[in-house]
């Protein structure tokens, strides 16, 4: 029996956005607070959370991000833009 792996799914902006939302919720953020303009400080996302997020984006989505790529990121929208850019998604 064959299973469809996550890597066989074509990445698009909606898939990346949903992944980021789910990852932030797992880090303790209320889903309703995950908005593009939301400041990570206001969501209580710290540098360790950002490391975990970067690792999961790379591992689970296959997007070639590095932890240092997240330096200076201040909003949810900036995370999304970075991940889309690294994935080659408009």
PDB file of N, CA and C in Angstrom:
ATOM      1  N   UNK A   1       0.829  -1.171   0.000  1.00  0.00           N
ATOM      2  CA  UNK A   1       0.000   0.000   0.000  1.00  0.00           C
ATOM      3  C   UNK A   1       0.880   1.242   0.000  1.00  0.00           C
ATOM      4  N   UNK A   2       0.553   2.160  -0.852  1.00  0.00           N
ATOM      5  CA  UNK A   2       1.347   3.383  -0.905  1.00  0.00           C
ATOM      6  C   UNK A   2       0.611   4.508  -0.195  1.00  0.00           C
ATOM      7  N   UNK A   3       1.402   5.350   0.431  1.00  0.00           N
ATOM      8  CA  UNK A   3       0.841   6.504   1.107  1.00  0.00           C
ATOM      9  C   UNK A   3       1.375   7.757   0.441  1.00  0.00           C
ATOM     10  N   UNK A   4       0.577   8.790   0.445  1.00  0.00           N
ATOM     11  CA  UNK A   4       1.023  10.057  -0.108  1.00  0.00           C
ATOM     12  C   UNK A   4       1.832  10.777   0.962  1.00  0.00           C
ATOM     13  N   UNK A   5       3.044  11.125   0.646  1.00  0.00           N
ATOM     14  CA  UNK A   5       3.876  11.827   1.625  1.00  0.00           C
ATOM     15  C   UNK A   5       3.681  13.327   1.480  1.00  0.00           C
ATOM     16  N   UNK A   6       4.020  14.041   2.536  1.00  0.00           N
ATOM     17  CA  UNK A   6       3.876  15.496   2.519  1.00  0.00           C
ATOM     18  C   UNK A   6       4.768  16.115   1.447  1.00  0.00           C
ATOM     19  N   UNK A   7       5.897  15.465   1.161  1.00  0.00           N
ATOM     20  CA  UNK A   7       6.814  16.035   0.191  1.00  0.00           C
ATOM     21  C   UNK A   7       6.285  15.933  -1.229  1.00  0.00           C
ATOM     22  N   UNK A   8       5.301  15.058  -1.454  1.00  0.00           N
ATOM     23  CA  UNK A   8       4.752  14.953  -2.802  1.00  0.00           C
ATOM     24  C   UNK A   8       3.690  16.021  -3.058  1.00  0.00           C
ATOM     25  N   UNK A   9       3.267  16.708  -1.996  1.00  0.00           N
ATOM     26  CA  UNK A   9       2.289  17.765  -2.124  1.00  0.00           C
ATOM     27  C   UNK A   9       2.981  19.005  -2.678  1.00  0.00           C
ATOM     28  N   UNK A  10       2.387  19.603  -3.695  1.00  0.00           N
ATOM     29  CA  UNK A  10       2.950  20.820  -4.249  1.00  0.00           C
ATOM     30  C   UNK A  10       2.729  21.954  -3.255  1.00  0.00           C
ATOM     31  N   UNK A  11       3.797  22.636  -2.935  1.00  0.00           N
ATOM     32  CA  UNK A  11       3.691  23.743  -1.996  1.00  0.00           C
ATOM     33  C   UNK A  11       3.093  24.950  -2.691  1.00  0.00           C
ATOM     34  N   UNK A  12       2.132  25.560  -2.043  1.00  0.00           N
ATOM     35  CA  UNK A  12       1.599  26.834  -2.506  1.00  0.00           C
ATOM     36  C   UNK A  12       1.460  27.737  -1.285  1.00  0.00           C
ATOM     37  N   UNK A  13       1.115  28.959  -1.529  1.00  0.00           N
ATOM     38  CA  UNK A  13       1.036  29.936  -0.440  1.00  0.00           C
ATOM     39  C   UNK A  13       0.055  29.493   0.645  1.00  0.00           C
ATOM     40  N   UNK A  14      -1.092  28.959   0.248  1.00  0.00           N
ATOM     41  CA  UNK A  14      -2.108  28.539   1.220  1.00  0.00           C
ATOM     42  C   UNK A  14      -1.595  27.406   2.106  1.00  0.00           C
ATOM     43  N   UNK A  15      -0.861  26.470   1.518  1.00  0.00           N
ATOM     44  CA  UNK A  15      -0.307  25.348   2.282  1.00  0.00           C
ATOM     45  C   UNK A  15       0.715  25.850   3.302  1.00  0.00           C
ATOM     46  N   UNK A  16       1.578  26.750   2.869  1.00  0.00           N
ATOM     47  CA  UNK A  16       2.589  27.307   3.769  1.00  0.00           C
ATOM     48  C   UNK A  16       1.923  28.115   4.876  1.00  0.00           C
ATOM     49  N   UNK A  17       0.923  28.914   4.513  1.00  0.00           N
ATOM     50  CA  UNK A  17       0.221  29.732   5.503  1.00  0.00           C
ATOM     51  C   UNK A  17      -0.458  28.856   6.550  1.00  0.00           C
ATOM     52  N   UNK A  18      -1.092  27.778   6.103  1.00  0.00           N
ATOM     53  CA  UNK A  18      -1.759  26.882   7.048  1.00  0.00           C
ATOM     54  C   UNK A  18      -0.735  26.197   7.948  1.00  0.00           C
ATOM     55  N   UNK A  19       0.388  25.798   7.379  1.00  0.00           N
ATOM     56  CA  UNK A  19       1.445  25.162   8.177  1.00  0.00           C
ATOM     57  C   UNK A  19       1.951  26.119   9.254  1.00  0.00           C
ATOM     58  N   UNK A  20       2.219  27.371   8.880  1.00  0.00           N
ATOM     59  CA  UNK A  20       2.711  28.372   9.835  1.00  0.00           C
ATOM     60  C   UNK A  20       1.670  28.599  10.932  1.00  0.00           C
ATOM     61  N   UNK A  21       0.401  28.706  10.537  1.00  0.00           N
ATOM     62  CA  UNK A  21      -0.672  28.891  11.513  1.00  0.00           C
ATOM     63  C   UNK A  21      -0.707  27.722  12.488  1.00  0.00           C
ATOM     64  N   UNK A  22      -0.699  26.502  11.956  1.00  0.00           N
ATOM     65  CA  UNK A  22      -0.741  25.310  12.812  1.00  0.00           C
ATOM     66  C   UNK A  22       0.473  25.246  13.739  1.00  0.00           C
ATOM     67  N   UNK A  23       1.645  25.587  13.215  1.00  0.00           N
ATOM     68  CA  UNK A  23       2.866  25.550  14.017  1.00  0.00           C
ATOM     69  C   UNK A  23       2.806  26.569  15.148  1.00  0.00           C
ATOM     70  N   UNK A  24       2.289  27.758  14.860  1.00  0.00           N
ATOM     71  CA  UNK A  24       2.175  28.785  15.901  1.00  0.00           C
ATOM     72  C   UNK A  24       1.151  28.379  16.955  1.00  0.00           C
ATOM     73  N   UNK A  25       0.074  27.739  16.529  1.00  0.00           N
ATOM     74  CA  UNK A  25      -0.923  27.246  17.478  1.00  0.00           C
ATOM     75  C   UNK A  25      -0.295  26.191  18.399  1.00  0.00           C
ATOM     76  N   UNK A  26       0.528  25.316  17.820  1.00  0.00           N
ATOM     77  CA  UNK A  26       1.228  24.317  18.633  1.00  0.00           C
ATOM     78  C   UNK A  26       2.170  24.962  19.648  1.00  0.00           C
ATOM     79  N   UNK A  27       2.647  26.159  19.332  1.00  0.00           N
ATOM     80  CA  UNK A  27       3.528  26.883  20.243  1.00  0.00           C
ATOM     81  C   UNK A  27       2.738  27.675  21.284  1.00  0.00           C
ATOM     82  N   UNK A  28       1.409  27.565  21.249  1.00  0.00           N
ATOM     83  CA  UNK A  28       0.587  28.191  22.276  1.00  0.00           C
ATOM     84  C   UNK A  28      -0.159  29.443  21.870  1.00  0.00           C
ATOM     85  N   UNK A  29      -0.110  29.809  20.602  1.00  0.00           N
ATOM     86  CA  UNK A  29      -0.809  31.003  20.122  1.00  0.00           C
ATOM     87  C   UNK A  29      -2.256  30.625  19.779  1.00  0.00           C
ATOM     88  N   UNK A  30      -3.209  31.483  20.146  1.00  0.00           N
ATOM     89  CA  UNK A  30      -4.601  31.262  19.754  1.00  0.00           C
ATOM     90  C   UNK A  30      -4.716  31.442  18.251  1.00  0.00           C
ATOM     91  N   UNK A  31      -5.410  30.511  17.580  1.00  0.00           N
ATOM     92  CA  UNK A  31      -5.504  30.559  16.123  1.00  0.00           C
ATOM     93  C   UNK A  31      -6.066  31.883  15.626  1.00  0.00           C
ATOM     94  N   UNK A  32      -7.004  32.450  16.349  1.00  0.00           N
ATOM     95  CA  UNK A  32      -7.599  33.725  15.953  1.00  0.00           C
ATOM     96  C   UNK A  32      -6.633  34.895  15.990  1.00  0.00           C
ATOM     97  N   UNK A  33      -5.516  34.714  16.699  1.00  0.00           N
ATOM     98  CA  UNK A  33      -4.507  35.772  16.806  1.00  0.00           C
ATOM     99  C   UNK A  33      -3.442  35.682  15.716  1.00  0.00           C
ATOM    100  N   UNK A  34      -3.464  34.601  14.931  1.00  0.00           N
ATOM    101  CA  UNK A  34      -2.452  34.405  13.888  1.00  0.00           C
ATOM    102  C   UNK A  34      -2.892  35.175  12.638  1.00  0.00           C
ATOM    103  N   UNK A  35      -2.462  36.428  12.590  1.00  0.00           N
ATOM    104  CA  UNK A  35      -2.788  37.330  11.487  1.00  0.00           C
ATOM    105  C   UNK A  35      -1.489  37.874  10.916  1.00  0.00           C
ATOM    106  N   UNK A  36      -1.465  38.225   9.625  1.00  0.00           N
ATOM    107  CA  UNK A  36      -0.220  38.701   9.009  1.00  0.00           C
ATOM    108  C   UNK A  36       0.451  39.851   9.748  1.00  0.00           C
ATOM    109  N   UNK A  37      -0.319  40.763  10.289  1.00  0.00           N
ATOM    110  CA  UNK A  37       0.258  41.919  10.966  1.00  0.00           C
ATOM    111  C   UNK A  37       0.565  41.703  12.432  1.00  0.00           C
ATOM    112  N   UNK A  38       0.273  40.503  12.938  1.00  0.00           N
ATOM    113  CA  UNK A  38       0.476  40.232  14.361  1.00  0.00           C
ATOM    114  C   UNK A  38       1.968  40.206  14.696  1.00  0.00           C
ATOM    115  N   UNK A  39       2.329  40.980  15.723  1.00  0.00           N
ATOM    116  CA  UNK A  39       3.727  41.027  16.173  1.00  0.00           C
ATOM    117  C   UNK A  39       4.046  39.776  16.975  1.00  0.00           C
ATOM    118  N   UNK A  40       5.184  39.168  16.678  1.00  0.00           N
ATOM    119  CA  UNK A  40       5.581  37.946  17.378  1.00  0.00           C
ATOM    120  C   UNK A  40       5.744  38.188  18.869  1.00  0.00           C
ATOM    121  N   UNK A  41       6.229  39.371  19.247  1.00  0.00           N
ATOM    122  CA  UNK A  41       6.356  39.703  20.673  1.00  0.00           C
ATOM    123  C   UNK A  41       4.987  39.678  21.352  1.00  0.00           C
ATOM    124  N   UNK A  42       3.975  40.218  20.686  1.00  0.00           N
ATOM    125  CA  UNK A  42       2.622  40.239  21.245  1.00  0.00           C
ATOM    126  C   UNK A  42       2.059  38.828  21.389  1.00  0.00           C
ATOM    127  N   UNK A  43       2.504  37.926  20.500  1.00  0.00           N
ATOM    128  CA  UNK A  43       2.045  36.533  20.547  1.00  0.00           C
ATOM    129  C   UNK A  43       2.890  35.690  21.501  1.00  0.00           C
ATOM    130  N   UNK A  44       3.880  36.337  22.131  1.00  0.00           N
ATOM    131  CA  UNK A  44       4.791  35.686  23.069  1.00  0.00           C
ATOM    132  C   UNK A  44       5.608  34.567  22.405  1.00  0.00           C
ATOM    133  N   UNK A  45       6.000  34.828  21.153  1.00  0.00           N
ATOM    134  CA  UNK A  45       6.893  33.924  20.423  1.00  0.00           C
ATOM    135  C   UNK A  45       8.313  34.430  20.643  1.00  0.00           C
ATOM    136  N   UNK A  46       9.149  33.593  21.259  1.00  0.00           N
ATOM    137  CA  UNK A  46      10.523  34.001  21.543  1.00  0.00           C
ATOM    138  C   UNK A  46      11.507  33.352  20.577  1.00  0.00           C
ATOM    139  N   UNK A  47      12.788  33.601  20.804  1.00  0.00           N
ATOM    140  CA  UNK A  47      13.806  33.107  19.878  1.00  0.00           C
ATOM    141  C   UNK A  47      13.863  31.582  19.839  1.00  0.00           C
ATOM    142  N   UNK A  48      13.606  30.917  20.938  1.00  0.00           N
ATOM    143  CA  UNK A  48      13.595  29.449  20.940  1.00  0.00           C
ATOM    144  C   UNK A  48      12.423  28.918  20.114  1.00  0.00           C
ATOM    145  N   UNK A  49      11.285  29.599  20.204  1.00  0.00           N
ATOM    146  CA  UNK A  49      10.131  29.223  19.373  1.00  0.00           C
ATOM    147  C   UNK A  49      10.471  29.390  17.897  1.00  0.00           C
ATOM    148  N   UNK A  50      11.198  30.442  17.575  1.00  0.00           N
ATOM    149  CA  UNK A  50      11.572  30.699  16.179  1.00  0.00           C
ATOM    150  C   UNK A  50      12.508  29.615  15.655  1.00  0.00           C
ATOM    151  N   UNK A  51      13.414  29.140  16.504  1.00  0.00           N
ATOM    152  CA  UNK A  51      14.308  28.046  16.114  1.00  0.00           C
ATOM    153  C   UNK A  51      13.481  26.804  15.814  1.00  0.00           C
ATOM    154  N   UNK A  52      12.534  26.502  16.696  1.00  0.00           N
ATOM    155  CA  UNK A  52      11.672  25.336  16.506  1.00  0.00           C
ATOM    156  C   UNK A  52      10.846  25.470  15.226  1.00  0.00           C
ATOM    157  N   UNK A  53      10.331  26.664  14.983  1.00  0.00           N
ATOM    158  CA  UNK A  53       9.541  26.912  13.779  1.00  0.00           C
ATOM    159  C   UNK A  53      10.392  26.732  12.524  1.00  0.00           C
ATOM    160  N   UNK A  54      11.595  27.290  12.540  1.00  0.00           N
ATOM    161  CA  UNK A  54      12.491  27.165  11.383  1.00  0.00           C
ATOM    162  C   UNK A  54      12.798  25.698  11.097  1.00  0.00           C
ATOM    163  N   UNK A  55      13.064  24.942  12.140  1.00  0.00           N
ATOM    164  CA  UNK A  55      13.386  23.526  11.963  1.00  0.00           C
ATOM    165  C   UNK A  55      12.192  22.753  11.409  1.00  0.00           C
ATOM    166  N   UNK A  56      10.993  23.054  11.889  1.00  0.00           N
ATOM    167  CA  UNK A  56       9.824  22.319  11.405  1.00  0.00           C
ATOM    168  C   UNK A  56       9.475  22.696   9.962  1.00  0.00           C
ATOM    169  N   UNK A  57       9.687  23.960   9.588  1.00  0.00           N
ATOM    170  CA  UNK A  57       9.454  24.377   8.199  1.00  0.00           C
ATOM    171  C   UNK A  57      10.400  23.613   7.271  1.00  0.00           C
ATOM    172  N   UNK A  58      11.650  23.513   7.685  1.00  0.00           N
ATOM    173  CA  UNK A  58      12.640  22.803   6.874  1.00  0.00           C
ATOM    174  C   UNK A  58      12.338  21.307   6.820  1.00  0.00           C
ATOM    175  N   UNK A  59      12.079  20.707   7.972  1.00  0.00           N
ATOM    176  CA  UNK A  59      11.860  19.264   8.072  1.00  0.00           C
ATOM    177  C   UNK A  59      10.532  18.836   7.426  1.00  0.00           C
ATOM    178  N   UNK A  60       9.456  19.522   7.780  1.00  0.00           N
ATOM    179  CA  UNK A  60       8.124  19.068   7.376  1.00  0.00           C
ATOM    180  C   UNK A  60       7.672  19.573   6.020  1.00  0.00           C
ATOM    181  N   UNK A  61       8.123  20.767   5.645  1.00  0.00           N
ATOM    182  CA  UNK A  61       7.735  21.315   4.340  1.00  0.00           C
ATOM    183  C   UNK A  61       8.832  21.174   3.294  1.00  0.00           C
ATOM    184  N   UNK A  62      10.059  20.951   3.755  1.00  0.00           N
ATOM    185  CA  UNK A  62      11.173  20.847   2.823  1.00  0.00           C
ATOM    186  C   UNK A  62      11.626  22.189   2.272  1.00  0.00           C
ATOM    187  N   UNK A  63      11.240  23.259   2.954  1.00  0.00           N
ATOM    188  CA  UNK A  63      11.642  24.603   2.530  1.00  0.00           C
ATOM    189  C   UNK A  63      13.042  24.867   3.091  1.00  0.00           C
ATOM    190  N   UNK A  64      13.982  25.262   2.230  1.00  0.00           N
ATOM    191  CA  UNK A  64      15.371  25.421   2.661  1.00  0.00           C
ATOM    192  C   UNK A  64      15.628  26.698   3.459  1.00  0.00           C
ATOM    193  N   UNK A  65      15.073  26.746   4.676  1.00  0.00           N
ATOM    194  CA  UNK A  65      15.315  27.888   5.561  1.00  0.00           C
ATOM    195  C   UNK A  65      16.344  27.496   6.611  1.00  0.00           C
ATOM    196  N   UNK A  66      17.035  28.501   7.084  1.00  0.00           N
ATOM    197  CA  UNK A  66      17.978  28.311   8.182  1.00  0.00           C
ATOM    198  C   UNK A  66      17.499  29.147   9.359  1.00  0.00           C
ATOM    199  N   UNK A  67      17.890  28.759  10.531  1.00  0.00           N
ATOM    200  CA  UNK A  67      17.473  29.493  11.726  1.00  0.00           C
ATOM    201  C   UNK A  67      17.819  30.968  11.610  1.00  0.00           C
ATOM    202  N   UNK A  68      19.015  31.270  11.097  1.00  0.00           N
ATOM    203  CA  UNK A  68      19.425  32.682  11.010  1.00  0.00           C
ATOM    204  C   UNK A  68      18.584  33.473  10.009  1.00  0.00           C
ATOM    205  N   UNK A  69      17.882  32.792   9.094  1.00  0.00           N
ATOM    206  CA  UNK A  69      16.981  33.490   8.170  1.00  0.00           C
ATOM    207  C   UNK A  69      15.854  34.193   8.927  1.00  0.00           C
ATOM    208  N   UNK A  70      15.565  33.697  10.131  1.00  0.00           N
ATOM    209  CA  UNK A  70      14.464  34.243  10.918  1.00  0.00           C
ATOM    210  C   UNK A  70      14.897  35.411  11.793  1.00  0.00           C
ATOM    211  N   UNK A  71      16.197  35.749  11.789  1.00  0.00           N
ATOM    212  CA  UNK A  71      16.680  36.905  12.548  1.00  0.00           C
ATOM    213  C   UNK A  71      16.019  38.169  11.997  1.00  0.00           C
ATOM    214  N   UNK A  72      15.498  38.989  12.870  1.00  0.00           N
ATOM    215  CA  UNK A  72      14.881  40.247  12.458  1.00  0.00           C
ATOM    216  C   UNK A  72      13.418  40.125  12.045  1.00  0.00           C
ATOM    217  N   UNK A  73      12.904  38.905  12.025  1.00  0.00           N
ATOM    218  CA  UNK A  73      11.488  38.710  11.699  1.00  0.00           C
ATOM    219  C   UNK A  73      10.662  39.191  12.891  1.00  0.00           C
ATOM    220  N   UNK A  74       9.659  40.024  12.619  1.00  0.00           N
ATOM    221  CA  UNK A  74       8.876  40.605  13.708  1.00  0.00           C
ATOM    222  C   UNK A  74       7.394  40.288  13.648  1.00  0.00           C
ATOM    223  N   UNK A  75       6.889  39.852  12.470  1.00  0.00           N
ATOM    224  CA  UNK A  75       5.452  39.596  12.344  1.00  0.00           C
ATOM    225  C   UNK A  75       5.182  38.240  11.701  1.00  0.00           C
ATOM    226  N   UNK A  76       3.975  37.780  11.869  1.00  0.00           N
ATOM    227  CA  UNK A  76       3.546  36.531  11.231  1.00  0.00           C
ATOM    228  C   UNK A  76       3.669  36.660   9.708  1.00  0.00           C
ATOM    229  N   UNK A  77       3.297  37.801   9.173  1.00  0.00           N
ATOM    230  CA  UNK A  77       3.375  38.022   7.730  1.00  0.00           C
ATOM    231  C   UNK A  77       4.792  37.912   7.197  1.00  0.00           C
ATOM    232  N   UNK A  78       5.769  38.384   7.983  1.00  0.00           N
ATOM    233  CA  UNK A  78       7.164  38.281   7.568  1.00  0.00           C
ATOM    234  C   UNK A  78       7.630  36.821   7.539  1.00  0.00           C
ATOM    235  N   UNK A  79       7.138  36.013   8.483  1.00  0.00           N
ATOM    236  CA  UNK A  79       7.456  34.581   8.464  1.00  0.00           C
ATOM    237  C   UNK A  79       6.916  33.975   7.177  1.00  0.00           C
ATOM    238  N   UNK A  80       5.678  34.281   6.854  1.00  0.00           N
ATOM    239  CA  UNK A  80       5.039  33.745   5.650  1.00  0.00           C
ATOM    240  C   UNK A  80       5.798  34.165   4.394  1.00  0.00           C
ATOM    241  N   UNK A  81       6.154  35.445   4.303  1.00  0.00           N
ATOM    242  CA  UNK A  81       6.880  35.933   3.131  1.00  0.00           C
ATOM    243  C   UNK A  81       8.229  35.247   2.986  1.00  0.00           C
ATOM    244  N   UNK A  82       8.947  35.096   4.094  1.00  0.00           N
ATOM    245  CA  UNK A  82      10.249  34.434   4.064  1.00  0.00           C
ATOM    246  C   UNK A  82      10.113  32.994   3.566  1.00  0.00           C
ATOM    247  N   UNK A  83       9.146  32.274   4.123  1.00  0.00           N
ATOM    248  CA  UNK A  83       8.968  30.866   3.752  1.00  0.00           C
ATOM    249  C   UNK A  83       8.539  30.729   2.291  1.00  0.00           C
ATOM    250  N   UNK A  84       7.660  31.601   1.836  1.00  0.00           N
ATOM    251  CA  UNK A  84       7.234  31.569   0.434  1.00  0.00           C
ATOM    252  C   UNK A  84       8.403  31.891  -0.494  1.00  0.00           C
ATOM    253  N   UNK A  85       9.201  32.873  -0.114  1.00  0.00           N
ATOM    254  CA  UNK A  85      10.358  33.252  -0.924  1.00  0.00           C
ATOM    255  C   UNK A  85      11.342  32.082  -1.031  1.00  0.00           C
ATOM    256  N   UNK A  86      11.654  31.464   0.101  1.00  0.00           N
ATOM    257  CA  UNK A  86      12.603  30.347   0.120  1.00  0.00           C
ATOM    258  C   UNK A  86      12.061  29.128  -0.631  1.00  0.00           C
ATOM    259  N   UNK A  87      10.716  28.989  -0.653  1.00  0.00           N
ATOM    260  CA  UNK A  87      10.099  27.864  -1.353  1.00  0.00           C
ATOM    261  C   UNK A  87       9.880  28.150  -2.836  1.00  0.00           C
ATOM    262  N   UNK A  88      10.127  29.407  -3.240  1.00  0.00           N
ATOM    263  CA  UNK A  88       9.908  29.782  -4.632  1.00  0.00           C
ATOM    264  C   UNK A  88       8.440  29.905  -4.996  1.00  0.00           C
ATOM    265  N   UNK A  89       7.638  30.296  -3.995  1.00  0.00           N
ATOM    266  CA  UNK A  89       6.187  30.437  -4.184  1.00  0.00           C
ATOM    267  C   UNK A  89       5.845  31.918  -4.205  1.00  0.00           C
ATOM    268  N   UNK A  90       5.003  32.308  -5.133  1.00  0.00           N
ATOM    269  CA  UNK A  90       4.580  33.721  -5.226  1.00  0.00           C
ATOM    270  C   UNK A  90       3.662  34.083  -4.090  1.00  0.00           C
TER     271      UNK A  90
END
